[in-house]
C-alpha atoms as a PDB file:
ATOM      1  CA  MET A   1      15.715 -18.529  30.705  1.00  0.00           C
ATOM      2  CA  THR A   2      13.850 -20.385  27.713  1.00  0.00           C
ATOM      3  CA  GLN A   3      16.105 -22.494  25.323  1.00  0.00           C
ATOM      4  CA  ASN A   4      16.125 -19.724  22.373  1.00  0.00           C
ATOM      5  CA  GLU A   5      16.983 -17.408  25.079  1.00  0.00           C
ATOM      6  CA  ALA A   6      19.629 -19.325  25.990  1.00  0.00           C
ATOM      7  CA  ILE A   7      20.964 -19.953  22.596  1.00  0.00           C
ATOM      8  CA  ILE A   8      20.946 -16.626  21.639  1.00  0.00           C
ATOM      9  CA  ASN A   9      23.284 -15.356  25.018  1.00  0.00           C
ATOM     10  CA  HIS A  10      25.326 -18.513  23.950  1.00  0.00           C
ATOM     11  CA  PHE A  11      26.050 -17.735  20.307  1.00  0.00           C
ATOM     12  CA  LYS A  12      25.569 -14.251  20.356  1.00  0.00           C
ATOM     13  CA  PRO A  13      29.515 -12.793  21.280  1.00  0.00           C
ATOM     14  CA  MET A  14      30.308 -14.759  17.930  1.00  0.00           C
ATOM     15  CA  GLU A  15      30.117 -13.249  14.733  1.00  0.00           C
ATOM     16  CA  LEU A  16      29.150 -16.252  12.942  1.00  0.00           C
ATOM     17  CA  PHE A  17      28.834 -19.794  13.859  1.00  0.00           C
ATOM     18  CA  LYS A  18      28.497 -23.475  12.440  1.00  0.00           C
ATOM     19  CA  THR A  19      26.111 -26.293  12.383  1.00  0.00           C
ATOM     20  CA  SER A  20      28.787 -28.078  14.014  1.00  0.00           C
ATOM     21  CA  ASP A  21      28.926 -25.539  16.961  1.00  0.00           C
ATOM     22  CA  ILE A  22      25.152 -25.693  17.262  1.00  0.00           C
ATOM     23  CA  ALA A  23      25.257 -29.833  17.700  1.00  0.00           C
ATOM     24  CA  ALA A  24      28.020 -29.441  20.280  1.00  0.00           C
ATOM     25  CA  TRP A  25      25.478 -26.625  22.562  1.00  0.00           C
ATOM     26  CA  PHE A  26      23.141 -29.365  22.484  1.00  0.00           C
ATOM     27  CA  ARG A  27      24.270 -32.184  22.891  1.00  0.00           C
ATOM     28  CA  GLU A  28      26.215 -30.798  25.926  1.00  0.00           C
ATOM     29  CA  SER A  29      22.841 -31.540  28.190  1.00  0.00           C
ATOM     30  CA  ASP A  30      22.406 -34.472  25.856  1.00  0.00           C
ATOM     31  CA  PRO A  31      24.921 -36.573  24.722  1.00  0.00           C
ATOM     32  CA  ASP A  32      23.577 -39.280  22.618  1.00  0.00           C
ATOM     33  CA  LEU A  33      21.451 -36.431  20.271  1.00  0.00           C
ATOM     34  CA  LYS A  34      21.043 -37.668  16.907  1.00  0.00           C
ATOM     35  CA  ASP A  35      22.009 -35.230  13.784  1.00  0.00           C
ATOM     36  CA  SER A  36      19.131 -35.916  12.439  1.00  0.00           C
ATOM     37  CA  THR A  37      16.989 -34.243  15.524  1.00  0.00           C
ATOM     38  CA  ILE A  38      19.729 -31.391  15.975  1.00  0.00           C
ATOM     39  CA  ASN A  39      19.066 -30.673  11.994  1.00  0.00           C
ATOM     40  CA  TRP A  40      15.167 -30.455  12.728  1.00  0.00           C
ATOM     41  CA  ARG A  41      16.266 -28.249  15.430  1.00  0.00           C
ATOM     42  CA  VAL A  42      18.434 -26.076  13.909  1.00  0.00           C
ATOM     43  CA  TYR A  43      16.150 -25.917  10.827  1.00  0.00           C
ATOM     44  CA  GLY A  44      13.286 -24.869  13.395  1.00  0.00           C
ATOM     45  CA  LEU A  45      15.735 -22.025  14.843  1.00  0.00           C
ATOM     46  CA  VAL A  46      16.021 -20.023  11.636  1.00  0.00           C
ATOM     47  CA  LYS A  47      11.906 -20.554  10.644  1.00  0.00           C
ATOM     48  CA  ASP A  48      11.254 -18.903  14.213  1.00  0.00           C
ATOM     49  CA  GLY A  49      14.355 -16.233  13.171  1.00  0.00           C
ATOM     50  CA  VAL A  50      16.287 -17.097  16.354  1.00  0.00           C
ATOM     51  CA  LEU A  51      19.209 -18.006  13.878  1.00  0.00           C
ATOM     52  CA  THR A  52      19.802 -16.642  10.093  1.00  0.00           C
ATOM     53  CA  ARG A  53      21.409 -18.506   8.121  1.00  0.00           C
ATOM     54  CA  VAL A  54      24.424 -17.080   6.016  1.00  0.00           C
ATOM     55  CA  SER A  55      25.548 -19.919   4.117  1.00  0.00           C
ATOM     56  CA  LYS A  56      25.332 -23.375   3.562  1.00  0.00           C
ATOM     57  CA  GLY A  57      26.199 -24.694   7.425  1.00  0.00           C
ATOM     58  CA  VAL A  58      27.099 -21.406   8.796  1.00  0.00           C
ATOM     59  CA  PHE A  59      24.410 -19.112  10.777  1.00  0.00           C
ATOM     60  CA  LYS A  60      24.251 -15.849  12.836  1.00  0.00           C
ATOM     61  CA  ILE A  61      21.914 -15.389  15.330  1.00  0.00           C
ATOM     62  CA  GLY A  62      18.498 -13.595  13.615  1.00  0.00           C
ATOM     63  CA  GLU A  63      16.308 -10.756  14.514  1.00  0.00           C
ATOM     64  CA  ASP A  64      12.621 -11.445  14.464  1.00  0.00           C
ATOM     65  CA  ARG A  65      10.951 -10.719  10.993  1.00  0.00           C
ATOM     66  CA  SER A  66       6.842 -11.101  11.719  1.00  0.00           C
ATOM     67  CA  TYR A  67       4.328 -10.688   9.157  1.00  0.00           C
ATOM     68  CA  LYS A  68       1.365  -8.331   9.494  1.00  0.00           C
ATOM     69  CA  PRO A  69      -1.087  -8.218   6.651  1.00  0.00           C
ATOM     70  CA  VAL A  70      -2.716  -5.426   5.330  1.00  0.00           C
ATOM     71  CA  VAL A  71      -6.371  -5.367   6.815  1.00  0.00           C
ATOM     72  CA  ASN A  72      -8.147  -3.965   3.667  1.00  0.00           C
ATOM     73  CA  PRO A  73     -11.993  -2.179   4.050  1.00  0.00           C
ATOM     74  CA  LYS A  74     -13.528  -4.819   2.213  1.00  0.00           C
ATOM     75  CA  LEU A  75     -11.759  -7.222   4.764  1.00  0.00           C
ATOM     76  CA  GLN A  76     -13.277  -4.612   8.369  1.00  0.00           C
ATOM     77  CA  ASN A  77     -16.689  -4.194   6.953  1.00  0.00           C
ATOM     78  CA  LEU A  78     -16.851  -8.271   6.575  1.00  0.00           C
ATOM     79  CA  ALA A  79     -15.500  -8.600  10.051  1.00  0.00           C
ATOM     80  CA  LYS A  80     -18.016  -5.672  11.166  1.00  0.00           C
ATOM     81  CA  ILE A  81     -21.033  -7.038   9.928  1.00  0.00           C
ATOM     82  CA  ILE A  82     -20.160 -10.605  11.092  1.00  0.00           C
ATOM     83  CA  GLY A  83     -18.842 -10.097  14.358  1.00  0.00           C
ATOM     84  CA  LYS A  84     -21.831  -7.456  14.886  1.00  0.00           C
ATOM     85  CA  GLN A  85     -24.427 -10.664  13.868  1.00  0.00           C
ATOM     86  CA  PHE A  86     -23.009 -13.422  15.096  1.00  0.00           C
ATOM     87  CA  PRO A  87     -21.243 -12.124  18.242  1.00  0.00           C
ATOM     88  CA  PHE A  88     -19.992 -15.503  19.897  1.00  0.00           C
ATOM     89  CA  ALA A  89     -18.989 -17.252  17.207  1.00  0.00           C
ATOM     90  CA  GLU A  90     -14.960 -18.016  16.300  1.00  0.00           C
ATOM     91  CA  PHE A  91     -13.704 -16.956  12.666  1.00  0.00           C
ATOM     92  CA  CYS A  92     -10.903 -15.122  10.847  1.00  0.00           C
ATOM     93  CA  LEU A  93     -10.489 -13.559   7.241  1.00  0.00           C
ATOM     94  CA  TRP A  94      -8.521 -12.838   4.691  1.00  0.00           C
ATOM     95  CA  ASP A  95      -7.808 -11.669   0.992  1.00  0.00           C
ATOM     96  CA  THR A  96      -5.797 -14.458  -0.744  1.00  0.00           C
ATOM     97  CA  ALA A  97      -4.303 -11.201  -3.187  1.00  0.00           C
ATOM     98  CA  LEU A  98      -1.652 -11.520  -0.153  1.00  0.00           C
ATOM     99  CA  ILE A  99      -0.369 -14.770  -1.786  1.00  0.00           C
ATOM    100  CA  ASN A 100       1.040 -12.686  -4.972  1.00  0.00           C
ATOM    101  CA  ASN A 101       3.236 -11.065  -2.436  1.00  0.00           C
ATOM    102  CA  PHE A 102       4.895 -14.466  -1.871  1.00  0.00           C
ATOM    103  CA  SER A 103       3.987 -16.181  -5.420  1.00  0.00           C
ATOM    104  CA  GLN A 104       6.133 -16.854  -8.665  1.00  0.00           C
ATOM    105  CA  HIS A 105       2.910 -15.754 -10.962  1.00  0.00           C
ATOM    106  CA  LEU A 106       0.435 -13.490 -10.182  1.00  0.00           C
ATOM    107  CA  THR A 107      -3.420 -14.295  -9.771  1.00  0.00           C
ATOM    108  CA  ALA A 108      -5.585 -11.616 -10.532  1.00  0.00           C
ATOM    109  CA  GLN A 109      -8.683 -13.123  -9.307  1.00  0.00           C
ATOM    110  CA  GLY A 110      -9.017 -14.383  -5.963  1.00  0.00           C
ATOM    111  CA  PHE A 111     -10.943 -14.714  -2.996  1.00  0.00           C
ATOM    112  CA  TYR A 112     -12.095 -13.483  -0.204  1.00  0.00           C
ATOM    113  CA  VAL A 113     -11.462 -16.008   2.680  1.00  0.00           C
ATOM    114  CA  VAL A 114     -13.989 -16.578   5.762  1.00  0.00           C
ATOM    115  CA  ALA A 115     -13.155 -19.015   8.394  1.00  0.00           C
ATOM    116  CA  VAL A 116     -15.741 -19.858  11.329  1.00  0.00           C
ATOM    117  CA  GLU A 117     -16.286 -22.268  13.679  1.00  0.00           C
ATOM    118  CA  LYS A 118     -18.012 -24.987  12.531  1.00  0.00           C
ATOM    119  CA  ASP A 119     -21.562 -24.509  14.638  1.00  0.00           C
ATOM    120  CA  ALA A 120     -21.948 -21.356  12.942  1.00  0.00           C
ATOM    121  CA  ALA A 121     -20.064 -21.411   9.593  1.00  0.00           C
ATOM    122  CA  GLU A 122     -23.377 -22.309   7.240  1.00  0.00           C
ATOM    123  CA  SER A 123     -25.657 -19.731   9.552  1.00  0.00           C
ATOM    124  CA  VAL A 124     -22.782 -17.421   8.838  1.00  0.00           C
ATOM    125  CA  PHE A 125     -22.539 -18.252   5.048  1.00  0.00           C
ATOM    126  CA  HIS A 126     -26.665 -17.383   4.854  1.00  0.00           C
ATOM    127  CA  PHE A 127     -26.368 -14.208   6.291  1.00  0.00           C
ATOM    128  CA  LEU A 128     -23.412 -13.156   4.367  1.00  0.00           C
ATOM    129  CA  LEU A 129     -25.515 -14.683   1.107  1.00  0.00           C
ATOM    130  CA  GLU A 130     -28.329 -12.385   1.853  1.00  0.00           C
ATOM    131  CA  LYS A 131     -25.985  -8.943   1.978  1.00  0.00           C
ATOM    132  CA  LEU A 132     -23.603  -9.824  -0.738  1.00  0.00           C
ATOM    133  CA  LYS A 133     -23.061 -11.365  -4.046  1.00  0.00           C
ATOM    134  CA  ASN A 134     -21.064 -14.918  -4.996  1.00  0.00           C
ATOM    135  CA  VAL A 135     -21.150 -16.369  -1.543  1.00  0.00           C
ATOM    136  CA  TYR A 136     -19.835 -20.231  -1.652  1.00  0.00           C
ATOM    137  CA  TYR A 137     -19.833 -22.389   1.340  1.00  0.00           C
ATOM    138  CA  ASN A 138     -17.204 -25.315   1.409  1.00  0.00           C
ATOM    139  CA  PRO A 139     -17.260 -24.803  -2.757  1.00  0.00           C
ATOM    140  CA  THR A 140     -17.761 -28.327  -4.615  1.00  0.00           C
ATOM    141  CA  ASP A 141     -14.804 -29.149  -7.628  1.00  0.00           C
ATOM    142  CA  ASP A 142     -17.547 -28.081 -10.032  1.00  0.00           C
ATOM    143  CA  VAL A 143     -17.740 -23.957  -7.993  1.00  0.00           C
ATOM    144  CA  ILE A 144     -14.346 -23.898  -7.736  1.00  0.00           C
ATOM    145  CA  ASP A 145     -13.595 -24.853 -11.643  1.00  0.00           C
ATOM    146  CA  ASN A 146     -16.520 -22.424 -12.955  1.00  0.00           C
ATOM    147  CA  TYR A 147     -17.503 -19.687 -10.288  1.00  0.00           C
ATOM    148  CA  LEU A 148     -14.911 -18.935  -7.894  1.00  0.00           C
ATOM    149  CA  TYR A 149     -11.853 -18.078 -10.194  1.00  0.00           C
ATOM    150  CA  LEU A 150     -13.647 -17.043 -13.091  1.00  0.00           C
ATOM    151  CA  SER A 151     -16.022 -14.289 -11.098  1.00  0.00           C
ATOM    152  CA  ASP A 152     -16.471 -10.573 -12.558  1.00  0.00           C
ATOM    153  CA  THR A 153     -16.590  -9.595  -8.530  1.00  0.00           C
ATOM    154  CA  LYS A 154     -14.703 -11.088  -6.147  1.00  0.00           C
ATOM    155  CA  PRO A 155     -16.733 -14.497  -4.303  1.00  0.00           C
ATOM    156  CA  VAL A 156     -16.437 -15.192  -0.295  1.00  0.00           C
ATOM    157  CA  VAL A 157     -15.593 -18.246   0.440  1.00  0.00           C
ATOM    158  CA  VAL A 158     -17.060 -19.621   3.952  1.00  0.00           C
ATOM    159  CA  LYS A 159     -15.048 -22.456   5.088  1.00  0.00           C
ATOM    160  CA  ASN A 160     -14.604 -24.642   8.123  1.00  0.00           C
ATOM    161  CA  MET A 161     -12.558 -23.587  10.618  1.00  0.00           C
ATOM    162  CA  VAL A 162     -10.402 -25.789  12.336  1.00  0.00           C
ATOM    163  CA  SER A 163     -10.288 -25.532  16.322  1.00  0.00           C
ATOM    164  CA  GLU A 164      -7.142 -24.004  17.892  1.00  0.00           C
ATOM    165  CA  ALA A 165      -6.331 -22.431  14.420  1.00  0.00           C
ATOM    166  CA  PRO A 166      -3.178 -20.419  14.372  1.00  0.00           C
ATOM    167  CA  THR A 167      -4.821 -16.545  14.249  1.00  0.00           C
ATOM    168  CA  ASN A 168      -3.329 -12.747  14.799  1.00  0.00           C
ATOM    169  CA  MET A 169      -5.502 -10.097  15.429  1.00  0.00           C
ATOM    170  CA  VAL A 170      -4.439  -6.803  13.080  1.00  0.00           C
ATOM    171  CA  GLU A 171      -6.417  -3.562  13.478  1.00  0.00           C
ATOM    172  CA  GLY A 172      -8.974  -4.938  15.056  1.00  0.00           C
ATOM    173  CA  VAL A 173      -9.581  -8.072  12.645  1.00  0.00           C
ATOM    174  CA  LYS A 174      -8.729 -11.095  13.458  1.00  0.00           C
ATOM    175  CA  VAL A 175      -6.355 -12.818  10.343  1.00  0.00           C
ATOM    176  CA  PRO A 176      -4.989 -16.065   9.807  1.00  0.00           C
ATOM    177  CA  SER A 177      -1.618 -16.292  10.942  1.00  0.00           C
ATOM    178  CA  LEU A 178       1.269 -17.307   8.518  1.00  0.00           C
ATOM    179  CA  GLU A 179       1.358 -20.567   9.696  1.00  0.00           C
ATOM    180  CA  MET A 180      -2.241 -21.571   9.146  1.00  0.00           C
ATOM    181  CA  ILE A 181      -1.956 -19.938   5.434  1.00  0.00           C
ATOM    182  CA  LEU A 182       0.650 -22.493   4.900  1.00  0.00           C
ATOM    183  CA  VAL A 183      -0.773 -25.259   5.968  1.00  0.00           C
ATOM    184  CA  ASP A 184      -4.106 -24.597   4.519  1.00  0.00           C
ATOM    185  CA  LEU A 185      -2.310 -24.119   1.173  1.00  0.00           C
ATOM    186  CA  PHE A 186      -0.960 -27.508   1.425  1.00  0.00           C
ATOM    187  CA  CYS A 187      -4.287 -29.269   2.474  1.00  0.00           C
ATOM    188  CA  ASP A 188      -6.937 -27.724   0.755  1.00  0.00           C
ATOM    189  CA  LYS A 189      -5.515 -28.162  -2.781  1.00  0.00           C
ATOM    190  CA  ARG A 190      -8.780 -27.921  -4.616  1.00  0.00           C
ATOM    191  CA  LEU A 191      -9.650 -24.641  -2.974  1.00  0.00           C
ATOM    192  CA  PHE A 192      -6.289 -23.345  -3.684  1.00  0.00           C
ATOM    193  CA  LYS A 193      -5.733 -24.980  -6.756  1.00  0.00           C
ATOM    194  CA  ALA A 194      -4.278 -21.836  -7.973  1.00  0.00           C
ATOM    195  CA  TYR A 195      -1.275 -22.100  -5.903  1.00  0.00           C
ATOM    196  CA  GLN A 196      -0.411 -25.594  -6.101  1.00  0.00           C
ATOM    197  CA  GLY A 197       2.877 -27.479  -7.740  1.00  0.00           C
ATOM    198  CA  ASN A 198       6.271 -25.906  -8.026  1.00  0.00           C
ATOM    199  CA  GLU A 199       3.712 -22.624  -7.025  1.00  0.00           C
ATOM    200  CA  LEU A 200       3.053 -23.575  -3.883  1.00  0.00           C
ATOM    201  CA  ALA A 201       6.832 -24.544  -3.522  1.00  0.00           C
ATOM    202  CA  HIS A 202       7.969 -21.407  -4.510  1.00  0.00           C
ATOM    203  CA  ILE A 203       5.546 -19.626  -1.708  1.00  0.00           C
ATOM    204  CA  TYR A 204       6.696 -21.952   1.076  1.00  0.00           C
ATOM    205  CA  ARG A 205      10.216 -20.926   0.187  1.00  0.00           C
ATOM    206  CA  ASN A 206       9.558 -17.038  -0.314  1.00  0.00           C
ATOM    207  CA  ILE A 207       7.756 -17.118   3.141  1.00  0.00           C
ATOM    208  CA  PHE A 208      10.596 -18.267   4.797  1.00  0.00           C
ATOM    209  CA  SER A 209      13.311 -16.721   3.554  1.00  0.00           C
ATOM    210  CA  LYS A 210      11.321 -13.362   4.376  1.00  0.00           C
ATOM    211  CA  TYR A 211       9.764 -13.785   7.741  1.00  0.00           C
ATOM    212  CA  SER A 212       9.775 -15.718  10.728  1.00  0.00           C
ATOM    213  CA  VAL A 213       7.474 -18.755  10.600  1.00  0.00           C
ATOM    214  CA  ASN A 214       6.971 -20.956  14.005  1.00  0.00           C
ATOM    215  CA  MET A 215       7.639 -24.430  13.233  1.00  0.00           C
ATOM    216  CA  MET A 216       5.858 -25.834  15.877  1.00  0.00           C
ATOM    217  CA  LYS A 217       2.564 -23.884  15.302  1.00  0.00           C
ATOM    218  CA  VAL A 218       2.575 -25.292  11.728  1.00  0.00           C
ATOM    219  CA  VAL A 219       3.258 -28.839  13.099  1.00  0.00           C
ATOM    220  CA  ARG A 220       0.504 -28.607  15.167  1.00  0.00           C
ATOM    221  CA  TYR A 221      -2.026 -27.248  13.062  1.00  0.00           C
ATOM    222  CA  ALA A 222      -1.128 -29.896  10.544  1.00  0.00           C
ATOM    223  CA  ALA A 223      -1.453 -32.209  13.034  1.00  0.00           C
ATOM    224  CA  ARG A 224      -5.212 -30.638  13.592  1.00  0.00           C
ATOM    225  CA  ARG A 225      -5.622 -31.152  10.309  1.00  0.00           C
ATOM    226  CA  GLY A 226      -4.710 -34.602   9.784  1.00  0.00           C
ATOM    227  CA  LYS A 227      -1.482 -33.788   7.871  1.00  0.00           C
ATOM    228  CA  LYS A 228       1.753 -33.493  10.052  1.00  0.00           C
ATOM    229  CA  PRO A 229       3.908 -36.111   8.653  1.00  0.00           C
ATOM    230  CA  GLU A 230       3.084 -34.707   5.116  1.00  0.00           C
ATOM    231  CA  ILE A 231       3.747 -31.460   5.554  1.00  0.00           C
ATOM    232  CA  GLU A 232       6.905 -32.360   7.819  1.00  0.00           C
ATOM    233  CA  GLU A 233       7.772 -34.458   4.360  1.00  0.00           C
ATOM    234  CA  PHE A 234       7.140 -31.620   1.613  1.00  0.00           C
ATOM    235  CA  ILE A 235       9.100 -28.963   4.122  1.00  0.00           C
ATOM    236  CA  ARG A 236      12.007 -30.827   4.330  1.00  0.00           C
ATOM    237  CA  SER A 237      11.904 -31.348   0.452  1.00  0.00           C
ATOM    238  CA  LEU A 238      12.425 -27.778  -0.251  1.00  0.00           C
ATOM    239  CA  GLU A 239      15.569 -27.926   1.633  1.00  0.00           C
ATOM    240  CA  LEU A 240      15.067 -24.443   3.068  1.00  0.00           C
END
């Protein structure tokens, strides 16, 4: 039995329970566990959908709230032509328009993101450049400021994909998980400049309140991007 299953079995008969109850449960097996560690574990349980926060310090057993993005025909076509030309390349893709589901201010002009393993990324870029308009590879600040958000047609951005990035398969298309999107929005501040500052905080709060987020995946991927301490501090500052 996993720890999450054990917690569900223990607390499911209770309609509501408090942080102190959860702390007592953890300390049955580890009496010296610090309050800060328990708070972080409780935070992770809420984000994973194991617990639901009813009010400050009060919880109930939660339920899975997985997010499945809509994969539009453009993404399906992109995935198809890339997969056919590069059958062994690791890649995923998504439409930044999905962020409008979580943001405070809607962004009229978004773009498609194609994240490709580093060894194949430049080849995929040149391949797409022959077939589509407004294709950019790891765009510079100048391109981002003057073309990416001002284009008449929706651009395609090809970027290097970090190994072991968390992804999901939706309708036969590999797309980033919410965990990957959260970390990329935080790390790629120039590329996703429209979603920074208060907007980023709003996006994070919205996603965490509506969907199950696996904190282990967030932290692991952030570590691979060299931003683990920064993203942990940012999430704590949101007081979710």
